[in-house]
Amino acid sequence: MKPVLTALGISALLALGACTNPYDPGQRAAGGALIGAGTGAAIGGIAGGGRGAAIGAITGGAVGAATGVITTPQPPPQQQYYQQPYK
């Protein structure tokens, strides 16, 4: 039962991390923090138990948030279809 709950938790983190606007730095930071915290907690839990999971979640969340902000792309330029008058 525990592996099923772990898989569901990781799936939920990935699904929530994917529901963002790719051009908003705040949403990218939140998505990166969710994915980073989940991954860090999983790795820390495997490596060091309960305390390792907490340290991994904090570190992974911080690194994920920073990476999300840094990698935010510029929004594409708006197409100006109506600049030319009708002839």
PDB file of N, CA and C in Angstrom:
ATOM      1  N   MET A   1       0.815  -1.193   0.000  1.00  0.00           N
ATOM      2  CA  MET A   1       0.000   0.000   0.000  1.00  0.00           C
ATOM      3  C   MET A   1       0.862   1.262   0.000  1.00  0.00           C
ATOM      4  N   LYS A   2       1.991   1.212   0.711  1.00  0.00           N
ATOM      5  CA  LYS A   2       2.854   2.384   0.798  1.00  0.00           C
ATOM      6  C   LYS A   2       3.436   2.786  -0.564  1.00  0.00           C
ATOM      7  N   PRO A   3       3.907   1.830  -1.400  1.00  0.00           N
ATOM      8  CA  PRO A   3       4.403   2.232  -2.720  1.00  0.00           C
ATOM      9  C   PRO A   3       3.319   2.864  -3.597  1.00  0.00           C
ATOM     10  N   VAL A   4       2.083   2.407  -3.429  1.00  0.00           N
ATOM     11  CA  VAL A   4       0.989   2.981  -4.223  1.00  0.00           C
ATOM     12  C   VAL A   4       0.757   4.432  -3.815  1.00  0.00           C
ATOM     13  N   LEU A   5       0.759   4.702  -2.503  1.00  0.00           N
ATOM     14  CA  LEU A   5       0.579   6.077  -2.031  1.00  0.00           C
ATOM     15  C   LEU A   5       1.742   6.968  -2.458  1.00  0.00           C
ATOM     16  N   THR A   6       2.941   6.423  -2.431  1.00  0.00           N
ATOM     17  CA  THR A   6       4.099   7.194  -2.881  1.00  0.00           C
ATOM     18  C   THR A   6       3.974   7.538  -4.359  1.00  0.00           C
ATOM     19  N   ALA A   7       3.586   6.575  -5.158  1.00  0.00           N
ATOM     20  CA  ALA A   7       3.419   6.823  -6.594  1.00  0.00           C
ATOM     21  C   ALA A   7       2.317   7.840  -6.848  1.00  0.00           C
ATOM     22  N   LEU A   8       1.220   7.752  -6.101  1.00  0.00           N
ATOM     23  CA  LEU A   8       0.141   8.734  -6.254  1.00  0.00           C
ATOM     24  C   LEU A   8       0.593  10.130  -5.840  1.00  0.00           C
ATOM     25  N   GLY A   9       1.372  10.216  -4.780  1.00  0.00           N
ATOM     26  CA  GLY A   9       1.880  11.514  -4.338  1.00  0.00           C
ATOM     27  C   GLY A   9       2.803  12.144  -5.363  1.00  0.00           C
ATOM     28  N   ILE A  10       3.692  11.357  -5.920  1.00  0.00           N
ATOM     29  CA  ILE A  10       4.603  11.872  -6.946  1.00  0.00           C
ATOM     30  C   ILE A  10       3.827  12.275  -8.190  1.00  0.00           C
ATOM     31  N   SER A  11       2.837  11.482  -8.562  1.00  0.00           N
ATOM     32  CA  SER A  11       2.009  11.828  -9.723  1.00  0.00           C
ATOM     33  C   SER A  11       1.253  13.131  -9.493  1.00  0.00           C
ATOM     34  N   ALA A  12       0.740  13.318  -8.283  1.00  0.00           N
ATOM     35  CA  ALA A  12       0.028  14.559  -7.969  1.00  0.00           C
ATOM     36  C   ALA A  12       0.964  15.758  -8.039  1.00  0.00           C
ATOM     37  N   LEU A  13       2.185  15.610  -7.533  1.00  0.00           N
ATOM     38  CA  LEU A  13       3.152  16.710  -7.608  1.00  0.00           C
ATOM     39  C   LEU A  13       3.477  17.065  -9.053  1.00  0.00           C
ATOM     40  N   LEU A  14       3.684  16.063  -9.873  1.00  0.00           N
ATOM     41  CA  LEU A  14       3.991  16.328 -11.277  1.00  0.00           C
ATOM     42  C   LEU A  14       2.802  16.953 -12.000  1.00  0.00           C
ATOM     43  N   ALA A  15       1.598  16.488 -11.695  1.00  0.00           N
ATOM     44  CA  ALA A  15       0.406  17.047 -12.341  1.00  0.00           C
ATOM     45  C   ALA A  15       0.196  18.499 -11.935  1.00  0.00           C
ATOM     46  N   LEU A  16       0.364  18.806 -10.663  1.00  0.00           N
ATOM     47  CA  LEU A  16       0.202  20.189 -10.217  1.00  0.00           C
ATOM     48  C   LEU A  16       1.311  21.084 -10.762  1.00  0.00           C
ATOM     49  N   GLY A  17       2.502  20.538 -10.891  1.00  0.00           N
ATOM     50  CA  GLY A  17       3.602  21.317 -11.448  1.00  0.00           C
ATOM     51  C   GLY A  17       3.419  21.629 -12.917  1.00  0.00           C
ATOM     52  N   ALA A  18       2.634  20.833 -13.616  1.00  0.00           N
ATOM     53  CA  ALA A  18       2.422  21.043 -15.049  1.00  0.00           C
ATOM     54  C   ALA A  18       1.311  22.049 -15.338  1.00  0.00           C
ATOM     55  N   CYS A  19       0.497  22.393 -14.362  1.00  0.00           N
ATOM     56  CA  CYS A  19      -0.649  23.291 -14.570  1.00  0.00           C
ATOM     57  C   CYS A  19      -0.252  24.741 -14.328  1.00  0.00           C
ATOM     58  N   THR A  20       0.680  25.243 -15.093  1.00  0.00           N
ATOM     59  CA  THR A  20       1.137  26.613 -14.889  1.00  0.00           C
ATOM     60  C   THR A  20       1.224  27.354 -16.212  1.00  0.00           C
ATOM     61  N   ASN A  21       1.324  28.670 -16.107  1.00  0.00           N
ATOM     62  CA  ASN A  21       1.578  29.525 -17.258  1.00  0.00           C
ATOM     63  C   ASN A  21       3.091  29.535 -17.475  1.00  0.00           C
ATOM     64  N   PRO A  22       3.590  29.104 -18.609  1.00  0.00           N
ATOM     65  CA  PRO A  22       5.036  29.007 -18.787  1.00  0.00           C
ATOM     66  C   PRO A  22       5.758  30.349 -18.826  1.00  0.00           C
ATOM     67  N   TYR A  23       5.033  31.461 -18.914  1.00  0.00           N
ATOM     68  CA  TYR A  23       5.671  32.770 -19.005  1.00  0.00           C
ATOM     69  C   TYR A  23       5.571  33.572 -17.713  1.00  0.00           C
ATOM     70  N   ASP A  24       5.030  33.005 -16.638  1.00  0.00           N
ATOM     71  CA  ASP A  24       4.886  33.694 -15.358  1.00  0.00           C
ATOM     72  C   ASP A  24       5.952  33.178 -14.390  1.00  0.00           C
ATOM     73  N   PRO A  25       6.911  34.036 -13.977  1.00  0.00           N
ATOM     74  CA  PRO A  25       7.979  33.565 -13.090  1.00  0.00           C
ATOM     75  C   PRO A  25       7.467  33.030 -11.753  1.00  0.00           C
ATOM     76  N   GLY A  26       6.395  33.622 -11.220  1.00  0.00           N
ATOM     77  CA  GLY A  26       5.855  33.151  -9.950  1.00  0.00           C
ATOM     78  C   GLY A  26       5.303  31.742 -10.046  1.00  0.00           C
ATOM     79  N   GLN A  27       4.595  31.472 -11.133  1.00  0.00           N
ATOM     80  CA  GLN A  27       4.056  30.129 -11.316  1.00  0.00           C
ATOM     81  C   GLN A  27       5.166  29.133 -11.623  1.00  0.00           C
ATOM     82  N   ARG A  28       6.172  29.576 -12.351  1.00  0.00           N
ATOM     83  CA  ARG A  28       7.304  28.685 -12.624  1.00  0.00           C
ATOM     84  C   ARG A  28       8.041  28.352 -11.331  1.00  0.00           C
ATOM     85  N   ALA A  29       8.171  29.346 -10.430  1.00  0.00           N
ATOM     86  CA  ALA A  29       8.822  29.097  -9.144  1.00  0.00           C
ATOM     87  C   ALA A  29       8.014  28.112  -8.311  1.00  0.00           C
ATOM     88  N   ALA A  30       6.691  28.275  -8.297  1.00  0.00           N
ATOM     89  CA  ALA A  30       5.843  27.365  -7.519  1.00  0.00           C
ATOM     90  C   ALA A  30       5.912  25.941  -8.072  1.00  0.00           C
ATOM     91  N   GLY A  31       5.850  25.812  -9.391  1.00  0.00           N
ATOM     92  CA  GLY A  31       5.948  24.483  -9.996  1.00  0.00           C
ATOM     93  C   GLY A  31       7.299  23.844  -9.743  1.00  0.00           C
ATOM     94  N   GLY A  32       8.352  24.635  -9.882  1.00  0.00           N
ATOM     95  CA  GLY A  32       9.694  24.114  -9.620  1.00  0.00           C
ATOM     96  C   GLY A  32       9.880  23.716  -8.168  1.00  0.00           C
ATOM     97  N   ALA A  33       9.295  24.510  -7.254  1.00  0.00           N
ATOM     98  CA  ALA A  33       9.400  24.183  -5.835  1.00  0.00           C
ATOM     99  C   ALA A  33       8.661  22.889  -5.509  1.00  0.00           C
ATOM    100  N   LEU A  34       7.478  22.698  -6.110  1.00  0.00           N
ATOM    101  CA  LEU A  34       6.734  21.453  -5.867  1.00  0.00           C
ATOM    102  C   LEU A  34       7.506  20.232  -6.354  1.00  0.00           C
ATOM    103  N   ILE A  35       7.999  20.328  -7.563  1.00  0.00           N
ATOM    104  CA  ILE A  35       8.735  19.193  -8.127  1.00  0.00           C
ATOM    105  C   ILE A  35      10.038  18.971  -7.365  1.00  0.00           C
ATOM    106  N   GLY A  36      10.745  20.060  -7.055  1.00  0.00           N
ATOM    107  CA  GLY A  36      12.005  19.940  -6.323  1.00  0.00           C
ATOM    108  C   GLY A  36      11.825  19.390  -4.918  1.00  0.00           C
ATOM    109  N   ALA A  37      10.780  19.854  -4.224  1.00  0.00           N
ATOM    110  CA  ALA A  37      10.538  19.369  -2.865  1.00  0.00           C
ATOM    111  C   ALA A  37      10.163  17.891  -2.869  1.00  0.00           C
ATOM    112  N   GLY A  38       9.333  17.499  -3.815  1.00  0.00           N
ATOM    113  CA  GLY A  38       8.959  16.085  -3.890  1.00  0.00           C
ATOM    114  C   GLY A  38      10.142  15.192  -4.205  1.00  0.00           C
ATOM    115  N   THR A  39      10.939  15.624  -5.165  1.00  0.00           N
ATOM    116  CA  THR A  39      12.116  14.841  -5.538  1.00  0.00           C
ATOM    117  C   THR A  39      13.135  14.812  -4.407  1.00  0.00           C
ATOM    118  N   GLY A  40      13.371  15.974  -3.790  1.00  0.00           N
ATOM    119  CA  GLY A  40      14.319  16.043  -2.676  1.00  0.00           C
ATOM    120  C   GLY A  40      13.888  15.196  -1.495  1.00  0.00           C
ATOM    121  N   ALA A  41      12.583  15.208  -1.196  1.00  0.00           N
ATOM    122  CA  ALA A  41      12.083  14.389  -0.090  1.00  0.00           C
ATOM    123  C   ALA A  41      12.253  12.907  -0.389  1.00  0.00           C
ATOM    124  N   ALA A  42      11.993  12.515  -1.631  1.00  0.00           N
ATOM    125  CA  ALA A  42      12.147  11.106  -1.996  1.00  0.00           C
ATOM    126  C   ALA A  42      13.604  10.670  -1.892  1.00  0.00           C
ATOM    127  N   ILE A  43      14.499  11.468  -2.438  1.00  0.00           N
ATOM    128  CA  ILE A  43      15.923  11.111  -2.388  1.00  0.00           C
ATOM    129  C   ILE A  43      16.436  11.157  -0.955  1.00  0.00           C
ATOM    130  N   GLY A  44      16.062  12.211  -0.215  1.00  0.00           N
ATOM    131  CA  GLY A  44      16.500  12.316   1.176  1.00  0.00           C
ATOM    132  C   GLY A  44      15.941  11.212   2.051  1.00  0.00           C
ATOM    133  N   GLY A  45      14.701  10.806   1.788  1.00  0.00           N
ATOM    134  CA  GLY A  45      14.112   9.714   2.556  1.00  0.00           C
ATOM    135  C   GLY A  45      14.817   8.396   2.314  1.00  0.00           C
ATOM    136  N   ILE A  46      15.206   8.164   1.079  1.00  0.00           N
ATOM    137  CA  ILE A  46      15.927   6.931   0.756  1.00  0.00           C
ATOM    138  C   ILE A  46      17.322   6.958   1.370  1.00  0.00           C
ATOM    139  N   ALA A  47      17.977   8.116   1.306  1.00  0.00           N
ATOM    140  CA  ALA A  47      19.356   8.213   1.765  1.00  0.00           C
ATOM    141  C   ALA A  47      19.480   8.331   3.283  1.00  0.00           C
ATOM    142  N   GLY A  48      18.577   9.108   3.911  1.00  0.00           N
ATOM    143  CA  GLY A  48      18.798   9.375   5.327  1.00  0.00           C
ATOM    144  C   GLY A  48      17.594   9.225   6.230  1.00  0.00           C
ATOM    145  N   GLY A  49      16.519   8.661   5.765  1.00  0.00           N
ATOM    146  CA  GLY A  49      15.351   8.482   6.621  1.00  0.00           C
ATOM    147  C   GLY A  49      14.532   9.752   6.764  1.00  0.00           C
ATOM    148  N   GLY A  50      13.838   9.891   7.899  1.00  0.00           N
ATOM    149  CA  GLY A  50      12.916  11.006   8.112  1.00  0.00           C
ATOM    150  C   GLY A  50      13.573  12.371   8.078  1.00  0.00           C
ATOM    151  N   ARG A  51      14.686  12.528   8.793  1.00  0.00           N
ATOM    152  CA  ARG A  51      15.370  13.827   8.794  1.00  0.00           C
ATOM    153  C   ARG A  51      15.960  14.126   7.420  1.00  0.00           C
ATOM    154  N   GLY A  52      16.456  13.128   6.752  1.00  0.00           N
ATOM    155  CA  GLY A  52      16.987  13.313   5.402  1.00  0.00           C
ATOM    156  C   GLY A  52      15.907  13.739   4.426  1.00  0.00           C
ATOM    157  N   ALA A  53      14.689  13.227   4.622  1.00  0.00           N
ATOM    158  CA  ALA A  53      13.573  13.620   3.757  1.00  0.00           C
ATOM    159  C   ALA A  53      13.233  15.086   3.951  1.00  0.00           C
ATOM    160  N   ALA A  54      13.259  15.552   5.197  1.00  0.00           N
ATOM    161  CA  ALA A  54      12.964  16.964   5.466  1.00  0.00           C
ATOM    162  C   ALA A  54      14.030  17.871   4.870  1.00  0.00           C
ATOM    163  N   ILE A  55      15.275  17.513   5.056  1.00  0.00           N
ATOM    164  CA  ILE A  55      16.366  18.318   4.491  1.00  0.00           C
ATOM    165  C   ILE A  55      16.303  18.288   2.967  1.00  0.00           C
ATOM    166  N   GLY A  56      16.040  17.132   2.399  1.00  0.00           N
ATOM    167  CA  GLY A  56      15.924  17.019   0.947  1.00  0.00           C
ATOM    168  C   GLY A  56      14.770  17.832   0.398  1.00  0.00           C
ATOM    169  N   ALA A  57      13.636  17.849   1.112  1.00  0.00           N
ATOM    170  CA  ALA A  57      12.479  18.626   0.660  1.00  0.00           C
ATOM    171  C   ALA A  57      12.778  20.117   0.682  1.00  0.00           C
ATOM    172  N   ILE A  58      13.416  20.590   1.737  1.00  0.00           N
ATOM    173  CA  ILE A  58      13.743  22.021   1.829  1.00  0.00           C
ATOM    174  C   ILE A  58      14.744  22.412   0.753  1.00  0.00           C
ATOM    175  N   THR A  59      15.800  21.630   0.620  1.00  0.00           N
ATOM    176  CA  THR A  59      16.823  21.936  -0.382  1.00  0.00           C
ATOM    177  C   THR A  59      16.265  21.822  -1.797  1.00  0.00           C
ATOM    178  N   GLY A  60      15.544  20.754  -2.068  1.00  0.00           N
ATOM    179  CA  GLY A  60      14.963  20.563  -3.400  1.00  0.00           C
ATOM    180  C   GLY A  60      13.959  21.641  -3.744  1.00  0.00           C
ATOM    181  N   GLY A  61      13.150  22.056  -2.767  1.00  0.00           N
ATOM    182  CA  GLY A  61      12.186  23.130  -3.005  1.00  0.00           C
ATOM    183  C   GLY A  61      12.865  24.444  -3.336  1.00  0.00           C
ATOM    184  N   ALA A  62      13.927  24.772  -2.603  1.00  0.00           N
ATOM    185  CA  ALA A  62      14.649  26.023  -2.866  1.00  0.00           C
ATOM    186  C   ALA A  62      15.322  25.998  -4.234  1.00  0.00           C
ATOM    187  N   VAL A  63      15.986  24.896  -4.544  1.00  0.00           N
ATOM    188  CA  VAL A  63      16.657  24.785  -5.846  1.00  0.00           C
ATOM    189  C   VAL A  63      15.634  24.773  -6.979  1.00  0.00           C
ATOM    190  N   GLY A  64      14.523  24.081  -6.784  1.00  0.00           N
ATOM    191  CA  GLY A  64      13.479  24.037  -7.809  1.00  0.00           C
ATOM    192  C   GLY A  64      12.853  25.395  -8.053  1.00  0.00           C
ATOM    193  N   ALA A  65      12.600  26.159  -6.980  1.00  0.00           N
ATOM    194  CA  ALA A  65      12.025  27.496  -7.141  1.00  0.00           C
ATOM    195  C   ALA A  65      12.988  28.420  -7.875  1.00  0.00           C
ATOM    196  N   ALA A  66      14.254  28.383  -7.491  1.00  0.00           N
ATOM    197  CA  ALA A  66      15.245  29.232  -8.157  1.00  0.00           C
ATOM    198  C   ALA A  66      15.389  28.852  -9.627  1.00  0.00           C
ATOM    199  N   THR A  67      15.417  27.568  -9.908  1.00  0.00           N
ATOM    200  CA  THR A  67      15.530  27.116 -11.292  1.00  0.00           C
ATOM    201  C   THR A  67      14.313  27.525 -12.103  1.00  0.00           C
ATOM    202  N   GLY A  68      13.127  27.451 -11.495  1.00  0.00           N
ATOM    203  CA  GLY A  68      11.913  27.867 -12.188  1.00  0.00           C
ATOM    204  C   GLY A  68      11.935  29.332 -12.577  1.00  0.00           C
ATOM    205  N   VAL A  69      12.418  30.181 -11.678  1.00  0.00           N
ATOM    206  CA  VAL A  69      12.484  31.616 -11.980  1.00  0.00           C
ATOM    207  C   VAL A  69      13.541  31.896 -13.040  1.00  0.00           C
ATOM    208  N   ILE A  70      14.698  31.271 -12.909  1.00  0.00           N
ATOM    209  CA  ILE A  70      15.803  31.538 -13.835  1.00  0.00           C
ATOM    210  C   ILE A  70      15.472  31.080 -15.250  1.00  0.00           C
ATOM    211  N   THR A  71      14.755  29.988 -15.388  1.00  0.00           N
ATOM    212  CA  THR A  71      14.490  29.431 -16.716  1.00  0.00           C
ATOM    213  C   THR A  71      13.176  29.907 -17.330  1.00  0.00           C
ATOM    214  N   THR A  72      12.562  30.951 -16.769  1.00  0.00           N
ATOM    215  CA  THR A  72      11.312  31.468 -17.327  1.00  0.00           C
ATOM    216  C   THR A  72      11.584  32.100 -18.688  1.00  0.00           C
ATOM    217  N   PRO A  73      10.931  31.615 -19.744  1.00  0.00           N
ATOM    218  CA  PRO A  73      11.161  32.197 -21.069  1.00  0.00           C
ATOM    219  C   PRO A  73      10.417  33.522 -21.233  1.00  0.00           C
ATOM    220  N   GLN A  74      10.871  34.320 -22.174  1.00  0.00           N
ATOM    221  CA  GLN A  74      10.176  35.558 -22.513  1.00  0.00           C
ATOM    222  C   GLN A  74       8.903  35.211 -23.276  1.00  0.00           C
ATOM    223  N   PRO A  75       7.808  35.933 -23.013  1.00  0.00           N
ATOM    224  CA  PRO A  75       6.593  35.651 -23.783  1.00  0.00           C
ATOM    225  C   PRO A  75       6.786  36.018 -25.249  1.00  0.00           C
ATOM    226  N   PRO A  76       6.119  35.300 -26.139  1.00  0.00           N
ATOM    227  CA  PRO A  76       6.261  35.628 -27.562  1.00  0.00           C
ATOM    228  C   PRO A  76       5.626  36.987 -27.850  1.00  0.00           C
ATOM    229  N   PRO A  77       6.133  37.683 -28.848  1.00  0.00           N
ATOM    230  CA  PRO A  77       5.546  38.984 -29.181  1.00  0.00           C
ATOM    231  C   PRO A  77       4.122  38.810 -29.697  1.00  0.00           C
ATOM    232  N   GLN A  78       3.288  39.778 -29.385  1.00  0.00           N
ATOM    233  CA  GLN A  78       1.896  39.731 -29.831  1.00  0.00           C
ATOM    234  C   GLN A  78       1.827  40.038 -31.323  1.00  0.00           C
ATOM    235  N   GLN A  79       1.031  39.280 -32.018  1.00  0.00           N
ATOM    236  CA  GLN A  79       0.830  39.507 -33.448  1.00  0.00           C
ATOM    237  C   GLN A  79      -0.092  40.713 -33.621  1.00  0.00           C
ATOM    238  N   GLN A  80       0.290  41.618 -34.454  1.00  0.00           N
ATOM    239  CA  GLN A  80      -0.518  42.810 -34.712  1.00  0.00           C
ATOM    240  C   GLN A  80      -1.196  42.652 -36.066  1.00  0.00           C
ATOM    241  N   TYR A  81      -2.360  42.030 -36.075  1.00  0.00           N
ATOM    242  CA  TYR A  81      -3.066  41.776 -37.324  1.00  0.00           C
ATOM    243  C   TYR A  81      -3.758  43.022 -37.860  1.00  0.00           C
ATOM    244  N   TYR A  82      -4.103  43.943 -37.005  1.00  0.00           N
ATOM    245  CA  TYR A  82      -4.960  45.052 -37.417  1.00  0.00           C
ATOM    246  C   TYR A  82      -4.196  46.362 -37.575  1.00  0.00           C
ATOM    247  N   GLN A  83      -2.912  46.315 -37.816  1.00  0.00           N
ATOM    248  CA  GLN A  83      -2.144  47.534 -38.024  1.00  0.00           C
ATOM    249  C   GLN A  83      -2.397  48.125 -39.408  1.00  0.00           C
ATOM    250  N   GLN A  84      -2.605  47.299 -40.398  1.00  0.00           N
ATOM    251  CA  GLN A  84      -2.815  47.766 -41.766  1.00  0.00           C
ATOM    252  C   GLN A  84      -4.296  48.111 -41.965  1.00  0.00           C
ATOM    253  N   PRO A  85      -4.604  49.293 -42.474  1.00  0.00           N
ATOM    254  CA  PRO A  85      -6.014  49.599 -42.753  1.00  0.00           C
ATOM    255  C   PRO A  85      -6.477  48.835 -43.995  1.00  0.00           C
ATOM    256  N   TYR A  86      -7.786  48.705 -44.120  1.00  0.00           N
ATOM    257  CA  TYR A  86      -8.348  48.056 -45.312  1.00  0.00           C
ATOM    258  C   TYR A  86      -8.109  48.933 -46.527  1.00  0.00           C
ATOM    259  N   LYS A  87      -7.861  48.299 -47.657  1.00  0.00           N
ATOM    260  CA  LYS A  87      -7.630  49.050 -48.896  1.00  0.00           C
ATOM    261  C   LYS A  87      -8.754  48.843 -49.844  1.00  0.00           C
TER     262      LYS A  87
END
